[in-house]
């Protein structure tokens, strides 16, 4: 297949480099790899057209059909075309179910993709339902300590937090952390993120000392694994600020909120929700002091 928009010099250069560095042949696999490049470059319209062209050339029973549907779903999700994304992911799931056994991990991946759409649409019950289906498949195919199991549990934890169910969220985060600790070094950022999640869950349960303990653990991990101004470090400070505010220790709360603001403003745009939220927190706590 010939790449459309080859007059785009940036795309042509990247694809030529891929051919040179990876010895791609003119196959569907290489074309899917090219499409991944378009996607990573944020060229979503190009990627979408490219995938449609590829689908027109593949036979109806080709093994890459479902993957094309998945990638079209990814493109639609990135463009916030959520209904279209759900349509493509559902089509991929249907195709995979026709061609493989029930416990194929690829089917589990489709359920994860569908859950992402439902979560973005605030259909949290449907998102959770899809994640539970994915988790059942992954636990059958892999052992209970596989990273995809941890990923599912982590996503379920976020949904439970949104649903104001911190007890169940904490259970998911703790299980995910236990799995991750068997795969990563003690200073891996992924562990720090889970400690932040646990800190937030404990805060929601008013278990303040445990919350601060997890947030401090996260900061120690991030100090060895992330840039100084990474937004995840800001989240640790924000959680600690929330704890101190709820304890009515407003001076400490303000100090931590300002540290969070410094991290967020160094890495995120001014209209990002983290930045907007932390500025409101600073304003709110400042009024309590003055």
C-alpha atoms as a PDB file:
ATOM      1  CA  UNK A   1       0.000   0.000   0.000  1.00  0.00           C
ATOM      2  CA  UNK A   2       1.236   3.495  -0.836  1.00  0.00           C
ATOM      3  CA  UNK A   3       1.235   6.020   1.967  1.00  0.00           C
ATOM      4  CA  UNK A   4      -1.139   8.878   1.344  1.00  0.00           C
ATOM      5  CA  UNK A   5       0.033  12.417   2.107  1.00  0.00           C
ATOM      6  CA  UNK A   6       3.619  11.499   1.169  1.00  0.00           C
ATOM      7  CA  UNK A   7       4.116  15.150   0.358  1.00  0.00           C
ATOM      8  CA  UNK A   8       4.214  15.630   4.157  1.00  0.00           C
ATOM      9  CA  UNK A   9       8.007  15.715   4.472  1.00  0.00           C
ATOM     10  CA  UNK A  10       7.953  15.091   8.235  1.00  0.00           C
ATOM     11  CA  UNK A  11       5.963  11.875   7.856  1.00  0.00           C
ATOM     12  CA  UNK A  12       7.993  10.730   4.886  1.00  0.00           C
ATOM     13  CA  UNK A  13      11.250  11.276   6.777  1.00  0.00           C
ATOM     14  CA  UNK A  14      10.073   9.314   9.834  1.00  0.00           C
ATOM     15  CA  UNK A  15       8.818   6.420   7.737  1.00  0.00           C
ATOM     16  CA  UNK A  16      12.021   6.271   5.711  1.00  0.00           C
ATOM     17  CA  UNK A  17      13.986   6.170   8.968  1.00  0.00           C
ATOM     18  CA  UNK A  18      11.805   3.315  10.206  1.00  0.00           C
ATOM     19  CA  UNK A  19      12.429   1.383   7.013  1.00  0.00           C
ATOM     20  CA  UNK A  20      16.163   1.966   7.320  1.00  0.00           C
ATOM     21  CA  UNK A  21      16.466   1.170  11.039  1.00  0.00           C
ATOM     22  CA  UNK A  22      14.104  -1.780  11.294  1.00  0.00           C
ATOM     23  CA  UNK A  23      14.262  -3.380   7.852  1.00  0.00           C
ATOM     24  CA  UNK A  24      10.490  -3.300   7.401  1.00  0.00           C
ATOM     25  CA  UNK A  25       9.073  -5.117   4.415  1.00  0.00           C
ATOM     26  CA  UNK A  26       6.036  -4.017   2.473  1.00  0.00           C
ATOM     27  CA  UNK A  27       3.590  -5.969   4.646  1.00  0.00           C
ATOM     28  CA  UNK A  28       0.494  -5.203   6.679  1.00  0.00           C
ATOM     29  CA  UNK A  29       2.586  -5.489   9.834  1.00  0.00           C
ATOM     30  CA  UNK A  30       4.906  -2.730   8.662  1.00  0.00           C
ATOM     31  CA  UNK A  31       1.935  -0.594   7.657  1.00  0.00           C
ATOM     32  CA  UNK A  32       0.463  -0.957  11.132  1.00  0.00           C
ATOM     33  CA  UNK A  33       3.842   0.126  12.491  1.00  0.00           C
ATOM     34  CA  UNK A  34       3.779   3.168  10.221  1.00  0.00           C
ATOM     35  CA  UNK A  35       0.313   3.962  11.521  1.00  0.00           C
ATOM     36  CA  UNK A  36       1.644   3.769  15.069  1.00  0.00           C
ATOM     37  CA  UNK A  37       4.179   6.448  14.116  1.00  0.00           C
ATOM     38  CA  UNK A  38       1.421   8.707  12.797  1.00  0.00           C
ATOM     39  CA  UNK A  39      -0.484   8.154  16.035  1.00  0.00           C
ATOM     40  CA  UNK A  40       2.516   8.900  18.263  1.00  0.00           C
ATOM     41  CA  UNK A  41       3.173  12.083  16.280  1.00  0.00           C
ATOM     42  CA  UNK A  42      -0.406  13.226  16.935  1.00  0.00           C
ATOM     43  CA  UNK A  43      -1.283  12.967  13.229  1.00  0.00           C
ATOM     44  CA  UNK A  44      -4.654  11.445  14.048  1.00  0.00           C
ATOM     45  CA  UNK A  45      -6.446  12.397  10.821  1.00  0.00           C
ATOM     46  CA  UNK A  46      -3.608  10.915   8.758  1.00  0.00           C
ATOM     47  CA  UNK A  47      -3.629   7.762  10.881  1.00  0.00           C
ATOM     48  CA  UNK A  48      -7.388   7.415  10.476  1.00  0.00           C
ATOM     49  CA  UNK A  49      -7.245   7.730   6.679  1.00  0.00           C
ATOM     50  CA  UNK A  50      -4.294   5.383   6.550  1.00  0.00           C
ATOM     51  CA  UNK A  51      -6.183   2.724   8.523  1.00  0.00           C
ATOM     52  CA  UNK A  52      -9.276   3.028   6.342  1.00  0.00           C
ATOM     53  CA  UNK A  53      -7.093   2.578   3.251  1.00  0.00           C
ATOM     54  CA  UNK A  54      -5.497  -0.481   4.813  1.00  0.00           C
ATOM     55  CA  UNK A  55      -8.882  -1.973   5.740  1.00  0.00           C
ATOM     56  CA  UNK A  56     -10.000  -1.609   2.130  1.00  0.00           C
ATOM     57  CA  UNK A  57      -7.023  -3.706   1.013  1.00  0.00           C
ATOM     58  CA  UNK A  58      -7.210  -6.464   3.646  1.00  0.00           C
ATOM     59  CA  UNK A  59      -9.342  -9.542   3.114  1.00  0.00           C
ATOM     60  CA  UNK A  60     -12.385  -9.733   5.456  1.00  0.00           C
ATOM     61  CA  UNK A  61     -10.831 -12.595   7.425  1.00  0.00           C
ATOM     62  CA  UNK A  62      -7.323 -11.102   7.699  1.00  0.00           C
ATOM     63  CA  UNK A  63      -5.725 -11.440  11.138  1.00  0.00           C
ATOM     64  CA  UNK A  64      -5.011  -7.687  11.348  1.00  0.00           C
ATOM     65  CA  UNK A  65      -8.623  -6.559  10.883  1.00  0.00           C
ATOM     66  CA  UNK A  66      -9.317  -6.449  14.625  1.00  0.00           C
ATOM     67  CA  UNK A  67      -6.054  -4.576  15.239  1.00  0.00           C
ATOM     68  CA  UNK A  68      -7.086  -1.955  12.677  1.00  0.00           C
ATOM     69  CA  UNK A  69     -10.399  -1.541  14.485  1.00  0.00           C
ATOM     70  CA  UNK A  70      -8.538  -1.140  17.785  1.00  0.00           C
ATOM     71  CA  UNK A  71      -6.298   1.543  16.311  1.00  0.00           C
ATOM     72  CA  UNK A  72      -9.272   3.386  14.817  1.00  0.00           C
ATOM     73  CA  UNK A  73     -10.797   3.282  18.286  1.00  0.00           C
ATOM     74  CA  UNK A  74      -7.573   4.712  19.727  1.00  0.00           C
ATOM     75  CA  UNK A  75      -7.646   7.547  17.188  1.00  0.00           C
ATOM     76  CA  UNK A  76     -11.295   8.338  17.922  1.00  0.00           C
ATOM     77  CA  UNK A  77     -10.628   8.324  21.675  1.00  0.00           C
ATOM     78  CA  UNK A  78      -7.702  10.735  21.267  1.00  0.00           C
ATOM     79  CA  UNK A  79      -9.963  13.016  19.201  1.00  0.00           C
ATOM     80  CA  UNK A  80     -12.662  12.799  21.920  1.00  0.00           C
ATOM     81  CA  UNK A  81     -15.026  11.144  19.447  1.00  0.00           C
ATOM     82  CA  UNK A  82     -16.148   8.784  22.175  1.00  0.00           C
ATOM     83  CA  UNK A  83     -19.200   7.227  20.528  1.00  0.00           C
ATOM     84  CA  UNK A  84     -17.158   6.463  17.424  1.00  0.00           C
ATOM     85  CA  UNK A  85     -14.373   5.041  19.580  1.00  0.00           C
ATOM     86  CA  UNK A  86     -16.841   2.773  21.363  1.00  0.00           C
ATOM     87  CA  UNK A  87     -18.169   1.630  17.995  1.00  0.00           C
ATOM     88  CA  UNK A  88     -14.692   0.657  16.758  1.00  0.00           C
ATOM     89  CA  UNK A  89     -13.694  -1.078  19.997  1.00  0.00           C
ATOM     90  CA  UNK A  90     -16.973  -3.016  20.025  1.00  0.00           C
ATOM     91  CA  UNK A  91     -16.398  -4.039  16.419  1.00  0.00           C
ATOM     92  CA  UNK A  92     -12.921  -5.256  17.328  1.00  0.00           C
ATOM     93  CA  UNK A  93     -14.307  -7.244  20.263  1.00  0.00           C
ATOM     94  CA  UNK A  94     -16.929  -8.871  18.051  1.00  0.00           C
ATOM     95  CA  UNK A  95     -14.275  -9.802  15.473  1.00  0.00           C
ATOM     96  CA  UNK A  96     -11.975 -11.295  18.111  1.00  0.00           C
ATOM     97  CA  UNK A  97     -14.802 -13.325  19.654  1.00  0.00           C
ATOM     98  CA  UNK A  98     -15.578 -14.880  16.282  1.00  0.00           C
ATOM     99  CA  UNK A  99     -12.005 -15.973  15.708  1.00  0.00           C
ATOM    100  CA  UNK A 100     -10.663 -17.021  19.095  1.00  0.00           C
ATOM    101  CA  UNK A 101     -11.402 -18.770  22.352  1.00  0.00           C
ATOM    102  CA  UNK A 102     -13.157 -16.920  25.165  1.00  0.00           C
ATOM    103  CA  UNK A 103     -10.019 -16.569  27.266  1.00  0.00           C
ATOM    104  CA  UNK A 104      -7.886 -14.933  24.580  1.00  0.00           C
ATOM    105  CA  UNK A 105      -6.048 -11.983  26.219  1.00  0.00           C
ATOM    106  CA  UNK A 106      -6.774  -9.904  23.118  1.00  0.00           C
ATOM    107  CA  UNK A 107     -10.449 -10.060  24.084  1.00  0.00           C
ATOM    108  CA  UNK A 108      -9.461  -8.817  27.527  1.00  0.00           C
ATOM    109  CA  UNK A 109      -7.638  -5.883  25.925  1.00  0.00           C
ATOM    110  CA  UNK A 110     -10.810  -4.978  24.025  1.00  0.00           C
ATOM    111  CA  UNK A 111     -12.764  -4.884  27.270  1.00  0.00           C
ATOM    112  CA  UNK A 112     -10.098  -2.582  28.742  1.00  0.00           C
ATOM    113  CA  UNK A 113     -10.401  -0.263  25.725  1.00  0.00           C
ATOM    114  CA  UNK A 114     -14.190  -0.217  26.038  1.00  0.00           C
ATOM    115  CA  UNK A 115     -13.888   0.599  29.736  1.00  0.00           C
ATOM    116  CA  UNK A 116     -11.723   3.627  28.902  1.00  0.00           C
ATOM    117  CA  UNK A 117     -14.458   5.041  26.693  1.00  0.00           C
ATOM    118  CA  UNK A 118     -17.164   4.445  29.295  1.00  0.00           C
ATOM    119  CA  UNK A 119     -14.989   6.082  31.937  1.00  0.00           C
ATOM    120  CA  UNK A 120     -14.455   9.180  29.789  1.00  0.00           C
ATOM    121  CA  UNK A 121     -18.234   9.308  29.233  1.00  0.00           C
ATOM    122  CA  UNK A 122     -18.765   9.009  33.020  1.00  0.00           C
ATOM    123  CA  UNK A 123     -20.550   5.695  32.531  1.00  0.00           C
ATOM    124  CA  UNK A 124     -18.702   4.318  35.539  1.00  0.00           C
ATOM    125  CA  UNK A 125     -20.833   1.215  36.095  1.00  0.00           C
ATOM    126  CA  UNK A 126     -20.333   0.157  32.470  1.00  0.00           C
ATOM    127  CA  UNK A 127     -16.610   0.907  32.734  1.00  0.00           C
ATOM    128  CA  UNK A 128     -16.362  -1.267  35.835  1.00  0.00           C
ATOM    129  CA  UNK A 129     -18.336  -4.062  34.182  1.00  0.00           C
ATOM    130  CA  UNK A 130     -15.910  -4.132  31.239  1.00  0.00           C
ATOM    131  CA  UNK A 131     -12.874  -4.083  33.530  1.00  0.00           C
ATOM    132  CA  UNK A 132     -14.209  -7.001  35.555  1.00  0.00           C
ATOM    133  CA  UNK A 133     -14.661  -9.003  32.346  1.00  0.00           C
ATOM    134  CA  UNK A 134     -11.099  -8.158  31.334  1.00  0.00           C
ATOM    135  CA  UNK A 135      -9.790  -9.083  34.778  1.00  0.00           C
ATOM    136  CA  UNK A 136     -11.496 -12.491  34.697  1.00  0.00           C
ATOM    137  CA  UNK A 137      -9.872 -13.243  31.340  1.00  0.00           C
ATOM    138  CA  UNK A 138      -6.419 -12.060  32.401  1.00  0.00           C
ATOM    139  CA  UNK A 139      -6.553 -14.061  35.627  1.00  0.00           C
ATOM    140  CA  UNK A 140      -7.414 -17.210  33.661  1.00  0.00           C
ATOM    141  CA  UNK A 141      -4.778 -16.692  30.980  1.00  0.00           C
ATOM    142  CA  UNK A 142      -1.995 -15.397  33.205  1.00  0.00           C
ATOM    143  CA  UNK A 143      -1.284 -15.900  36.884  1.00  0.00           C
ATOM    144  CA  UNK A 144      -2.680 -13.540  39.514  1.00  0.00           C
ATOM    145  CA  UNK A 145       0.612 -11.638  39.643  1.00  0.00           C
ATOM    146  CA  UNK A 146       0.818 -10.547  35.999  1.00  0.00           C
ATOM    147  CA  UNK A 147       1.189  -6.830  35.281  1.00  0.00           C
ATOM    148  CA  UNK A 148      -1.993  -6.668  33.193  1.00  0.00           C
ATOM    149  CA  UNK A 149      -3.859  -7.852  36.290  1.00  0.00           C
ATOM    150  CA  UNK A 150      -2.278  -4.992  38.256  1.00  0.00           C
ATOM    151  CA  UNK A 151      -3.266  -2.527  35.516  1.00  0.00           C
ATOM    152  CA  UNK A 152      -6.889  -3.687  35.689  1.00  0.00           C
ATOM    153  CA  UNK A 153      -6.954  -3.427  39.467  1.00  0.00           C
ATOM    154  CA  UNK A 154      -5.448   0.056  39.318  1.00  0.00           C
ATOM    155  CA  UNK A 155      -8.102   1.230  36.835  1.00  0.00           C
ATOM    156  CA  UNK A 156     -10.834  -0.280  38.989  1.00  0.00           C
ATOM    157  CA  UNK A 157      -9.408   1.588  41.970  1.00  0.00           C
ATOM    158  CA  UNK A 158      -9.692   4.924  40.176  1.00  0.00           C
ATOM    159  CA  UNK A 159     -13.314   4.209  39.323  1.00  0.00           C
ATOM    160  CA  UNK A 160     -14.112   3.270  42.916  1.00  0.00           C
ATOM    161  CA  UNK A 161     -12.525   6.544  44.070  1.00  0.00           C
ATOM    162  CA  UNK A 162     -14.703   8.485  41.618  1.00  0.00           C
ATOM    163  CA  UNK A 163     -17.717   6.598  42.958  1.00  0.00           C
ATOM    164  CA  UNK A 164     -16.782   7.664  46.513  1.00  0.00           C
ATOM    165  CA  UNK A 165     -15.949   4.113  47.555  1.00  0.00           C
ATOM    166  CA  UNK A 166     -12.432   4.480  49.002  1.00  0.00           C
ATOM    167  CA  UNK A 167     -12.495   1.145  50.854  1.00  0.00           C
ATOM    168  CA  UNK A 168     -12.833  -0.863  47.643  1.00  0.00           C
ATOM    169  CA  UNK A 169     -10.451   1.492  45.855  1.00  0.00           C
ATOM    170  CA  UNK A 170      -7.823   0.937  48.528  1.00  0.00           C
ATOM    171  CA  UNK A 171      -8.209  -2.830  48.204  1.00  0.00           C
ATOM    172  CA  UNK A 172      -7.586  -2.596  44.445  1.00  0.00           C
ATOM    173  CA  UNK A 173      -4.614  -0.251  44.822  1.00  0.00           C
ATOM    174  CA  UNK A 174      -3.034  -2.441  47.499  1.00  0.00           C
ATOM    175  CA  UNK A 175      -3.394  -5.582  45.375  1.00  0.00           C
ATOM    176  CA  UNK A 176      -1.906  -3.745  42.385  1.00  0.00           C
ATOM    177  CA  UNK A 177       0.999  -2.519  44.521  1.00  0.00           C
ATOM    178  CA  UNK A 178       1.686  -6.026  45.826  1.00  0.00           C
ATOM    179  CA  UNK A 179       1.910  -7.286  42.235  1.00  0.00           C
ATOM    180  CA  UNK A 180       4.037  -4.380  41.007  1.00  0.00           C
ATOM    181  CA  UNK A 181       6.517  -4.770  43.861  1.00  0.00           C
ATOM    182  CA  UNK A 182       7.344  -8.225  42.480  1.00  0.00           C
ATOM    183  CA  UNK A 183       8.142  -6.826  39.025  1.00  0.00           C
ATOM    184  CA  UNK A 184       9.849  -3.475  39.635  1.00  0.00           C
ATOM    185  CA  UNK A 185      12.692  -2.098  41.703  1.00  0.00           C
ATOM    186  CA  UNK A 186      11.797  -0.294  44.926  1.00  0.00           C
ATOM    187  CA  UNK A 187      12.408   3.121  43.339  1.00  0.00           C
ATOM    188  CA  UNK A 188      10.264   2.625  40.221  1.00  0.00           C
ATOM    189  CA  UNK A 189       7.864   5.516  39.567  1.00  0.00           C
ATOM    190  CA  UNK A 190       4.961   3.126  39.042  1.00  0.00           C
ATOM    191  CA  UNK A 191       5.162   2.154  42.725  1.00  0.00           C
ATOM    192  CA  UNK A 192       5.171   5.809  43.716  1.00  0.00           C
ATOM    193  CA  UNK A 193       1.986   6.437  41.743  1.00  0.00           C
ATOM    194  CA  UNK A 194       0.268   3.591  43.583  1.00  0.00           C
ATOM    195  CA  UNK A 195       1.452   4.974  46.923  1.00  0.00           C
ATOM    196  CA  UNK A 196      -0.122   8.295  45.926  1.00  0.00           C
ATOM    197  CA  UNK A 197      -3.371   6.492  45.118  1.00  0.00           C
ATOM    198  CA  UNK A 198      -3.298   4.742  48.483  1.00  0.00           C
ATOM    199  CA  UNK A 199      -2.564   8.057  50.198  1.00  0.00           C
ATOM    200  CA  UNK A 200      -5.631   9.597  48.577  1.00  0.00           C
ATOM    201  CA  UNK A 201      -7.815   6.629  49.558  1.00  0.00           C
ATOM    202  CA  UNK A 202      -6.651   6.788  53.192  1.00  0.00           C
ATOM    203  CA  UNK A 203      -7.308  10.542  53.208  1.00  0.00           C
ATOM    204  CA  UNK A 204     -10.872   9.913  52.025  1.00  0.00           C
ATOM    205  CA  UNK A 205     -11.290   7.555  54.981  1.00  0.00           C
ATOM    206  CA  UNK A 206      -9.817  10.188  57.335  1.00  0.00           C
ATOM    207  CA  UNK A 207      -6.885   7.885  58.063  1.00  0.00           C
ATOM    208  CA  UNK A 208      -4.540  10.823  57.967  1.00  0.00           C
ATOM    209  CA  UNK A 209      -1.329   9.341  59.336  1.00  0.00           C
ATOM    210  CA  UNK A 210      -1.472   6.454  56.868  1.00  0.00           C
ATOM    211  CA  UNK A 211      -2.202   8.928  54.086  1.00  0.00           C
ATOM    212  CA  UNK A 212       0.849  11.029  54.948  1.00  0.00           C
ATOM    213  CA  UNK A 213       2.967   7.898  55.231  1.00  0.00           C
ATOM    214  CA  UNK A 214       2.064   6.752  51.707  1.00  0.00           C
ATOM    215  CA  UNK A 215       2.490  10.260  50.261  1.00  0.00           C
ATOM    216  CA  UNK A 216       5.949  10.551  51.814  1.00  0.00           C
ATOM    217  CA  UNK A 217       6.871   7.120  50.468  1.00  0.00           C
ATOM    218  CA  UNK A 218       5.754   8.275  47.027  1.00  0.00           C
ATOM    219  CA  UNK A 219       7.941  11.385  47.302  1.00  0.00           C
ATOM    220  CA  UNK A 220      10.977   9.299  48.236  1.00  0.00           C
ATOM    221  CA  UNK A 221      10.403   7.038  45.229  1.00  0.00           C
ATOM    222  CA  UNK A 222       9.836   9.956  42.852  1.00  0.00           C
ATOM    223  CA  UNK A 223      13.013  11.601  44.127  1.00  0.00           C
ATOM    224  CA  UNK A 224      14.925   8.683  42.613  1.00  0.00           C
ATOM    225  CA  UNK A 225      12.829   8.107  39.501  1.00  0.00           C
ATOM    226  CA  UNK A 226      11.233  11.324  38.197  1.00  0.00           C
ATOM    227  CA  UNK A 227      12.334  14.847  37.235  1.00  0.00           C
ATOM    228  CA  UNK A 228      12.152  17.297  40.141  1.00  0.00           C
ATOM    229  CA  UNK A 229       9.151  19.149  38.704  1.00  0.00           C
ATOM    230  CA  UNK A 230       7.086  16.160  37.576  1.00  0.00           C
ATOM    231  CA  UNK A 231       3.347  16.604  38.146  1.00  0.00           C
ATOM    232  CA  UNK A 232       3.126  13.329  40.100  1.00  0.00           C
ATOM    233  CA  UNK A 233       5.338  14.937  42.744  1.00  0.00           C
ATOM    234  CA  UNK A 234       2.856  17.791  42.772  1.00  0.00           C
ATOM    235  CA  UNK A 235       0.070  15.305  43.430  1.00  0.00           C
ATOM    236  CA  UNK A 236       1.911  13.977  46.493  1.00  0.00           C
ATOM    237  CA  UNK A 237       2.134  17.506  47.885  1.00  0.00           C
ATOM    238  CA  UNK A 238      -1.515  18.192  47.043  1.00  0.00           C
ATOM    239  CA  UNK A 239      -2.687  15.068  48.880  1.00  0.00           C
ATOM    240  CA  UNK A 240      -0.643  16.102  51.911  1.00  0.00           C
ATOM    241  CA  UNK A 241      -2.097  19.594  51.678  1.00  0.00           C
ATOM    242  CA  UNK A 242      -5.603  18.145  51.641  1.00  0.00           C
ATOM    243  CA  UNK A 243      -4.781  16.088  54.735  1.00  0.00           C
ATOM    244  CA  UNK A 244      -3.507  19.120  56.641  1.00  0.00           C
ATOM    245  CA  UNK A 245      -6.493  21.202  55.545  1.00  0.00           C
ATOM    246  CA  UNK A 246      -8.903  18.556  56.817  1.00  0.00           C
ATOM    247  CA  UNK A 247      -6.940  18.494  60.085  1.00  0.00           C
ATOM    248  CA  UNK A 248      -7.331  22.301  60.148  1.00  0.00           C
ATOM    249  CA  UNK A 249      -3.559  22.768  60.091  1.00  0.00           C
ATOM    250  CA  UNK A 250      -3.904  25.528  57.534  1.00  0.00           C
ATOM    251  CA  UNK A 251      -0.320  26.827  57.527  1.00  0.00           C
ATOM    252  CA  UNK A 252       0.998  23.342  56.717  1.00  0.00           C
ATOM    253  CA  UNK A 253      -1.758  22.894  54.150  1.00  0.00           C
ATOM    254  CA  UNK A 254      -0.835  26.142  52.397  1.00  0.00           C
ATOM    255  CA  UNK A 255       2.859  25.200  52.351  1.00  0.00           C
ATOM    256  CA  UNK A 256       2.127  21.885  50.650  1.00  0.00           C
ATOM    257  CA  UNK A 257      -0.388  23.377  48.231  1.00  0.00           C
ATOM    258  CA  UNK A 258       2.221  25.929  47.138  1.00  0.00           C
ATOM    259  CA  UNK A 259       4.731  23.131  46.576  1.00  0.00           C
ATOM    260  CA  UNK A 260       2.129  21.331  44.480  1.00  0.00           C
ATOM    261  CA  UNK A 261       1.432  24.525  42.532  1.00  0.00           C
ATOM    262  CA  UNK A 262       5.138  24.938  41.789  1.00  0.00           C
ATOM    263  CA  UNK A 263       5.300  21.436  40.310  1.00  0.00           C
ATOM    264  CA  UNK A 264       2.082  21.720  38.325  1.00  0.00           C
ATOM    265  CA  UNK A 265       2.861  25.138  36.865  1.00  0.00           C
ATOM    266  CA  UNK A 266       6.317  23.963  35.765  1.00  0.00           C
ATOM    267  CA  UNK A 267       4.955  21.115  33.651  1.00  0.00           C
ATOM    268  CA  UNK A 268       1.269  21.709  32.864  1.00  0.00           C
ATOM    269  CA  UNK A 269      -0.607  24.415  30.908  1.00  0.00           C
ATOM    270  CA  UNK A 270      -2.273  27.155  32.956  1.00  0.00           C
ATOM    271  CA  UNK A 271      -5.767  25.906  32.076  1.00  0.00           C
ATOM    272  CA  UNK A 272      -5.060  22.307  33.127  1.00  0.00           C
ATOM    273  CA  UNK A 273      -7.516  21.096  35.762  1.00  0.00           C
ATOM    274  CA  UNK A 274      -4.695  20.299  38.219  1.00  0.00           C
ATOM    275  CA  UNK A 275      -3.449  23.888  38.014  1.00  0.00           C
ATOM    276  CA  UNK A 276      -6.940  25.363  38.285  1.00  0.00           C
ATOM    277  CA  UNK A 277      -7.796  23.133  41.249  1.00  0.00           C
ATOM    278  CA  UNK A 278      -4.611  23.833  43.215  1.00  0.00           C
ATOM    279  CA  UNK A 279      -5.023  27.597  42.813  1.00  0.00           C
ATOM    280  CA  UNK A 280      -8.526  27.296  44.262  1.00  0.00           C
ATOM    281  CA  UNK A 281      -7.135  25.277  47.168  1.00  0.00           C
ATOM    282  CA  UNK A 282      -4.494  27.941  47.855  1.00  0.00           C
ATOM    283  CA  UNK A 283      -7.131  30.674  47.777  1.00  0.00           C
ATOM    284  CA  UNK A 284      -9.436  28.692  50.062  1.00  0.00           C
ATOM    285  CA  UNK A 285      -6.776  27.925  52.688  1.00  0.00           C
ATOM    286  CA  UNK A 286      -5.297  31.432  52.549  1.00  0.00           C
ATOM    287  CA  UNK A 287      -8.670  32.811  53.647  1.00  0.00           C
ATOM    288  CA  UNK A 288      -8.563  30.554  56.694  1.00  0.00           C
ATOM    289  CA  UNK A 289      -5.177  31.977  57.712  1.00  0.00           C
ATOM    290  CA  UNK A 290      -5.876  35.665  57.022  1.00  0.00           C
END
